[in-house]
C-alpha atoms as a PDB file:
ATOM      1  CA  MET A   1       0.264  -0.136  -0.170  1.00  0.00           C
ATOM      2  CA  THR A   2       1.380   2.717  -0.586  1.00  0.00           C
ATOM      3  CA  ILE A   3       0.370   6.179   0.982  1.00  0.00           C
ATOM      4  CA  ARG A   4      -1.430   8.759  -1.204  1.00  0.00           C
ATOM      5  CA  LYS A   5      -2.150  11.586   1.071  1.00  0.00           C
ATOM      6  CA  PHE A   6      -0.930  12.602   4.165  1.00  0.00           C
ATOM      7  CA  THR A   7      -3.871  11.960   5.920  1.00  0.00           C
ATOM      8  CA  GLN A   8      -3.661   7.963   5.390  1.00  0.00           C
ATOM      9  CA  VAL A   9      -1.411   6.800   8.399  1.00  0.00           C
ATOM     10  CA  THR A  10      -2.263   3.583   8.562  1.00  0.00           C
ATOM     11  CA  THR A  11      -0.028   1.937   6.178  1.00  0.00           C
ATOM     12  CA  LYS A  12      -0.164  -1.800   7.398  1.00  0.00           C
ATOM     13  CA  LYS A  13       2.953  -2.030   6.263  1.00  0.00           C
ATOM     14  CA  GLY A  14       4.420  -2.841  10.579  1.00  0.00           C
ATOM     15  CA  ASP A  15       1.704  -5.619  10.991  1.00  0.00           C
ATOM     16  CA  THR A  16       4.495  -8.540  10.459  1.00  0.00           C
ATOM     17  CA  GLY A  17       7.021  -6.527  13.382  1.00  0.00           C
ATOM     18  CA  THR A  18       9.290  -4.578  10.324  1.00  0.00           C
ATOM     19  CA  SER A  19       9.995  -1.378   9.435  1.00  0.00           C
ATOM     20  CA  LYS A  20      12.385  -0.161   7.242  1.00  0.00           C
ATOM     21  CA  ASN A  21      14.748   2.621   7.533  1.00  0.00           C
ATOM     22  CA  TYR A  22      15.543   5.763   5.144  1.00  0.00           C
ATOM     23  CA  SER A  23      18.022   3.691   2.715  1.00  0.00           C
ATOM     24  CA  ASN A  24      15.033   0.955   2.173  1.00  0.00           C
ATOM     25  CA  GLU A  25      16.714  -2.092   4.221  1.00  0.00           C
ATOM     26  CA  THR A  26      14.136  -4.021   6.798  1.00  0.00           C
ATOM     27  CA  PHE A  27      14.972  -4.804  10.627  1.00  0.00           C
ATOM     28  CA  ARG A  28      12.583  -5.955  12.825  1.00  0.00           C
ATOM     29  CA  LYS A  29      11.090  -3.478  14.913  1.00  0.00           C
ATOM     30  CA  ASP A  30      12.495  -4.759  18.031  1.00  0.00           C
ATOM     31  CA  ASP A  31      16.072  -3.485  16.467  1.00  0.00           C
ATOM     32  CA  LEU A  32      18.530  -1.018  18.091  1.00  0.00           C
ATOM     33  CA  LEU A  33      17.821   1.159  15.464  1.00  0.00           C
ATOM     34  CA  PHE A  34      14.276   1.754  16.560  1.00  0.00           C
ATOM     35  CA  GLU A  35      14.994   2.188  20.055  1.00  0.00           C
ATOM     36  CA  THR A  36      17.323   5.160  19.059  1.00  0.00           C
ATOM     37  CA  LEU A  37      14.431   6.787  16.682  1.00  0.00           C
ATOM     38  CA  GLY A  38      12.127   6.211  19.100  1.00  0.00           C
ATOM     39  CA  THR A  39      14.289   7.913  22.595  1.00  0.00           C
ATOM     40  CA  ASN A  40      15.248  10.813  20.253  1.00  0.00           C
ATOM     41  CA  ASP A  41      11.674  10.458  19.327  1.00  0.00           C
ATOM     42  CA  GLU A  42      10.675  11.032  23.098  1.00  0.00           C
ATOM     43  CA  LEU A  43      13.454  13.224  24.078  1.00  0.00           C
ATOM     44  CA  SER A  44      12.273  15.539  21.136  1.00  0.00           C
ATOM     45  CA  SER A  45       8.506  14.977  22.757  1.00  0.00           C
ATOM     46  CA  VAL A  46       9.313  15.965  26.156  1.00  0.00           C
ATOM     47  CA  LEU A  47      11.616  18.986  24.994  1.00  0.00           C
ATOM     48  CA  GLY A  48       8.677  20.256  23.478  1.00  0.00           C
ATOM     49  CA  LEU A  49       6.451  20.321  26.813  1.00  0.00           C
ATOM     50  CA  CYS A  50       9.607  22.313  28.474  1.00  0.00           C
ATOM     51  CA  TYR A  51       9.034  24.212  24.855  1.00  0.00           C
ATOM     52  CA  HIS A  52       5.710  24.940  26.288  1.00  0.00           C
ATOM     53  CA  HIS A  53       6.030  26.147  29.749  1.00  0.00           C
ATOM     54  CA  THR A  54       9.211  28.183  28.903  1.00  0.00           C
ATOM     55  CA  ASN A  55       8.791  29.615  25.426  1.00  0.00           C
ATOM     56  CA  HIS A  56      12.649  29.337  25.044  1.00  0.00           C
ATOM     57  CA  GLU A  57      13.418  29.353  21.721  1.00  0.00           C
ATOM     58  CA  PRO A  58      16.335  27.622  21.488  1.00  0.00           C
ATOM     59  CA  ILE A  59      14.388  24.048  21.988  1.00  0.00           C
ATOM     60  CA  ARG A  60      12.937  24.778  19.165  1.00  0.00           C
ATOM     61  CA  THR A  61      16.586  24.609  17.649  1.00  0.00           C
ATOM     62  CA  ILE A  62      17.178  21.760  19.082  1.00  0.00           C
ATOM     63  CA  GLN A  63      14.261  19.488  18.356  1.00  0.00           C
ATOM     64  CA  ARG A  64      15.139  20.541  14.751  1.00  0.00           C
ATOM     65  CA  THR A  65      18.493  19.286  15.137  1.00  0.00           C
ATOM     66  CA  LEU A  66      17.301  15.873  16.715  1.00  0.00           C
ATOM     67  CA  GLN A  67      15.100  15.354  13.488  1.00  0.00           C
ATOM     68  CA  ASP A  68      18.591  15.907  11.743  1.00  0.00           C
ATOM     69  CA  MET A  69      19.587  13.367  13.898  1.00  0.00           C
ATOM     70  CA  ASN A  70      17.483  11.111  13.519  1.00  0.00           C
ATOM     71  CA  ALA A  71      17.681  11.125   9.884  1.00  0.00           C
ATOM     72  CA  MET A  72      21.522  10.071   9.982  1.00  0.00           C
ATOM     73  CA  ILE A  73      20.846   7.268  11.669  1.00  0.00           C
ATOM     74  CA  ALA A  74      17.789   6.014   9.911  1.00  0.00           C
ATOM     75  CA  THR A  75      19.726   6.314   6.768  1.00  0.00           C
ATOM     76  CA  ASN A  76      23.053   3.891   6.355  1.00  0.00           C
ATOM     77  CA  PRO A  77      26.003   5.406   4.512  1.00  0.00           C
ATOM     78  CA  ASN A  78      27.178   2.026   3.539  1.00  0.00           C
ATOM     79  CA  THR A  79      24.118   1.021   1.211  1.00  0.00           C
ATOM     80  CA  ASP A  80      23.122   4.031   0.731  1.00  0.00           C
ATOM     81  CA  ARG A  81      25.815   6.902   0.296  1.00  0.00           C
ATOM     82  CA  SER A  82      23.984   9.564  -2.014  1.00  0.00           C
ATOM     83  CA  ARG A  83      20.978   9.604  -0.033  1.00  0.00           C
ATOM     84  CA  TYR A  84      23.085   9.782   3.711  1.00  0.00           C
ATOM     85  CA  ASP A  85      25.459  13.024   1.569  1.00  0.00           C
ATOM     86  CA  LYS A  86      22.227  14.618   0.846  1.00  0.00           C
ATOM     87  CA  LEU A  87      21.409  14.829   4.732  1.00  0.00           C
ATOM     88  CA  LYS A  88      21.937  18.020   6.820  1.00  0.00           C
ATOM     89  CA  HIS A  89      24.282  16.604   9.384  1.00  0.00           C
ATOM     90  CA  LEU A  90      25.661  17.485  12.724  1.00  0.00           C
ATOM     91  CA  THR A  91      28.276  19.369  12.781  1.00  0.00           C
ATOM     92  CA  GLU A  92      30.901  21.215  15.908  1.00  0.00           C
ATOM     93  CA  ALA A  93      28.811  23.770  15.192  1.00  0.00           C
ATOM     94  CA  ASP A  94      25.955  22.190  16.347  1.00  0.00           C
ATOM     95  CA  VAL A  95      27.648  21.090  19.743  1.00  0.00           C
ATOM     96  CA  GLU A  96      28.927  24.833  20.121  1.00  0.00           C
ATOM     97  CA  LEU A  97      25.919  26.309  20.133  1.00  0.00           C
ATOM     98  CA  LEU A  98      24.749  24.528  22.833  1.00  0.00           C
ATOM     99  CA  GLU A  99      28.191  25.088  24.585  1.00  0.00           C
ATOM    100  CA  ASP A 100      27.344  28.632  24.209  1.00  0.00           C
ATOM    101  CA  GLU A 101      23.900  28.550  25.515  1.00  0.00           C
ATOM    102  CA  GLU A 102      25.236  26.397  28.620  1.00  0.00           C
ATOM    103  CA  ALA A 103      28.180  29.776  29.260  1.00  0.00           C
ATOM    104  CA  ALA A 104      25.778  32.401  29.213  1.00  0.00           C
ATOM    105  CA  LEU A 105      23.190  30.919  31.192  1.00  0.00           C
ATOM    106  CA  LEU A 106      26.156  30.278  33.639  1.00  0.00           C
ATOM    107  CA  ASP A 107      27.056  33.907  33.596  1.00  0.00           C
ATOM    108  CA  LYS A 108      23.335  34.728  34.485  1.00  0.00           C
ATOM    109  CA  LYS A 109      23.142  32.386  37.381  1.00  0.00           C
ATOM    110  CA  PRO A 110      25.955  29.931  38.685  1.00  0.00           C
ATOM    111  CA  ILE A 111      25.287  26.794  39.961  1.00  0.00           C
ATOM    112  CA  GLU A 112      25.813  25.158  43.574  1.00  0.00           C
ATOM    113  CA  PRO A 113      28.347  22.891  43.772  1.00  0.00           C
ATOM    114  CA  HIS A 114      25.476  20.220  45.161  1.00  0.00           C
ATOM    115  CA  PHE A 115      23.281  17.475  44.488  1.00  0.00           C
ATOM    116  CA  PHE A 116      19.680  18.628  43.022  1.00  0.00           C
ATOM    117  CA  LEU A 117      17.022  16.145  43.523  1.00  0.00           C
ATOM    118  CA  PRO A 118      15.244  16.326  40.216  1.00  0.00           C
ATOM    119  CA  GLY A 119      12.008  18.488  40.183  1.00  0.00           C
ATOM    120  CA  SER A 120      13.259  20.592  43.213  1.00  0.00           C
ATOM    121  CA  ASP A 121      13.599  23.883  41.911  1.00  0.00           C
ATOM    122  CA  THR A 122      10.421  26.520  42.159  1.00  0.00           C
ATOM    123  CA  SER A 123       9.175  25.894  38.783  1.00  0.00           C
ATOM    124  CA  PRO A 124       6.989  23.083  36.926  1.00  0.00           C
ATOM    125  CA  SER A 125       9.427  23.742  33.872  1.00  0.00           C
ATOM    126  CA  GLY A 126      12.546  23.045  35.756  1.00  0.00           C
ATOM    127  CA  ALA A 127      10.878  19.533  36.211  1.00  0.00           C
ATOM    128  CA  TRP A 128      10.640  19.261  32.833  1.00  0.00           C
ATOM    129  CA  TYR A 129      13.948  20.165  32.270  1.00  0.00           C
ATOM    130  CA  ASP A 130      14.758  17.657  34.266  1.00  0.00           C
ATOM    131  CA  LEU A 131      12.845  14.819  32.711  1.00  0.00           C
ATOM    132  CA  ALA A 132      13.587  15.805  29.407  1.00  0.00           C
ATOM    133  CA  ARG A 133      17.708  15.678  30.646  1.00  0.00           C
ATOM    134  CA  ALA A 134      17.120  12.270  31.811  1.00  0.00           C
ATOM    135  CA  VAL A 135      15.594  10.982  28.581  1.00  0.00           C
ATOM    136  CA  ALA A 136      18.685  13.245  26.685  1.00  0.00           C
ATOM    137  CA  ARG A 137      20.674  10.119  28.697  1.00  0.00           C
ATOM    138  CA  ARG A 138      19.265   7.831  27.930  1.00  0.00           C
ATOM    139  CA  ALA A 139      19.345   8.479  24.295  1.00  0.00           C
ATOM    140  CA  GLU A 140      23.293   9.044  24.492  1.00  0.00           C
ATOM    141  CA  ARG A 141      23.474   5.348  25.900  1.00  0.00           C
ATOM    142  CA  THR A 142      20.892   4.166  23.367  1.00  0.00           C
ATOM    143  CA  LEU A 143      23.171   5.646  20.587  1.00  0.00           C
ATOM    144  CA  VAL A 144      26.223   4.831  22.048  1.00  0.00           C
ATOM    145  CA  ARG A 145      25.223   0.809  21.475  1.00  0.00           C
ATOM    146  CA  PHE A 146      23.900   1.641  18.358  1.00  0.00           C
ATOM    147  CA  ILE A 147      27.089   2.969  17.136  1.00  0.00           C
ATOM    148  CA  ASN A 148      29.266  -0.249  18.479  1.00  0.00           C
ATOM    149  CA  ALA A 149      25.493  -2.809  16.899  1.00  0.00           C
ATOM    150  CA  HIS A 150      26.390  -1.285  13.395  1.00  0.00           C
ATOM    151  CA  GLU A 151      29.553   0.138  13.346  1.00  0.00           C
ATOM    152  CA  ARG A 152      28.661   3.662  12.685  1.00  0.00           C
ATOM    153  CA  ASP A 153      31.571   6.160  13.501  1.00  0.00           C
ATOM    154  CA  ASP A 154      29.425   8.904  11.232  1.00  0.00           C
ATOM    155  CA  LEU A 155      27.873   9.115  14.323  1.00  0.00           C
ATOM    156  CA  ALA A 156      30.329  10.763  16.648  1.00  0.00           C
ATOM    157  CA  ILE A 157      28.960  14.006  16.776  1.00  0.00           C
ATOM    158  CA  PRO A 158      25.581  12.985  17.581  1.00  0.00           C
ATOM    159  CA  ARG A 159      26.961  11.372  20.291  1.00  0.00           C
ATOM    160  CA  GLN A 160      28.794  14.366  21.220  1.00  0.00           C
ATOM    161  CA  TYR A 161      25.654  16.295  21.048  1.00  0.00           C
ATOM    162  CA  LEU A 162      23.614  14.337  22.955  1.00  0.00           C
ATOM    163  CA  ASN A 163      26.043  14.407  25.933  1.00  0.00           C
ATOM    164  CA  ARG A 164      26.518  18.698  25.612  1.00  0.00           C
ATOM    165  CA  LEU A 165      22.541  18.678  25.502  1.00  0.00           C
ATOM    166  CA  SER A 166      21.624  16.685  28.737  1.00  0.00           C
ATOM    167  CA  ASP A 167      24.493  19.319  30.433  1.00  0.00           C
ATOM    168  CA  LEU A 168      22.483  22.336  28.637  1.00  0.00           C
ATOM    169  CA  LEU A 169      19.423  20.638  30.123  1.00  0.00           C
ATOM    170  CA  PHE A 170      20.645  20.142  33.670  1.00  0.00           C
ATOM    171  CA  ILE A 171      21.786  24.077  33.947  1.00  0.00           C
ATOM    172  CA  LEU A 172      18.025  24.964  32.092  1.00  0.00           C
ATOM    173  CA  ALA A 173      15.867  23.354  34.917  1.00  0.00           C
ATOM    174  CA  ARG A 174      18.245  25.029  37.855  1.00  0.00           C
ATOM    175  CA  ASN A 175      17.942  28.424  35.440  1.00  0.00           C
ATOM    176  CA  ALA A 176      13.713  27.622  34.915  1.00  0.00           C
ATOM    177  CA  ASP A 177      12.940  30.732  37.044  1.00  0.00           C
ATOM    178  CA  ILE A 178      14.604  33.348  35.345  1.00  0.00           C
END
């Protein structure tokens, strides 16, 4: 069945427990590929909640970057180099944007050197950022397993991005009230 209109969501192609990546390779739905993509999607969803609680515009940029990351993950450069090369790839500049945001927030409000109980800040948005940080850490662990299982050294910068993102989310949680 071919999707003829966007309003058609149900294709029934996944009913057998398999799905395809962007390179048209078939994988079981329990493959680490889909766990990795799904965890990033979950992270983006939680970030959407963070955005709606804070209207902090950099969150939208992060969500778009996660979409670009998922396109990279879902496209196998070893079997579909042409498609892979056309994707928007994460770069050191994406990581530096996170680092710059971290520095700006820490300049506004330095963080006390002690353990913080997640959700212990004065605002609900801080708790959402804490949840997003926990999901980002899981996304990073899942990506590391995917990189190792599928020999995808091309995903080193996305791995670094997720690591830095969890740091930023920790800082955002501590700064949610400013």
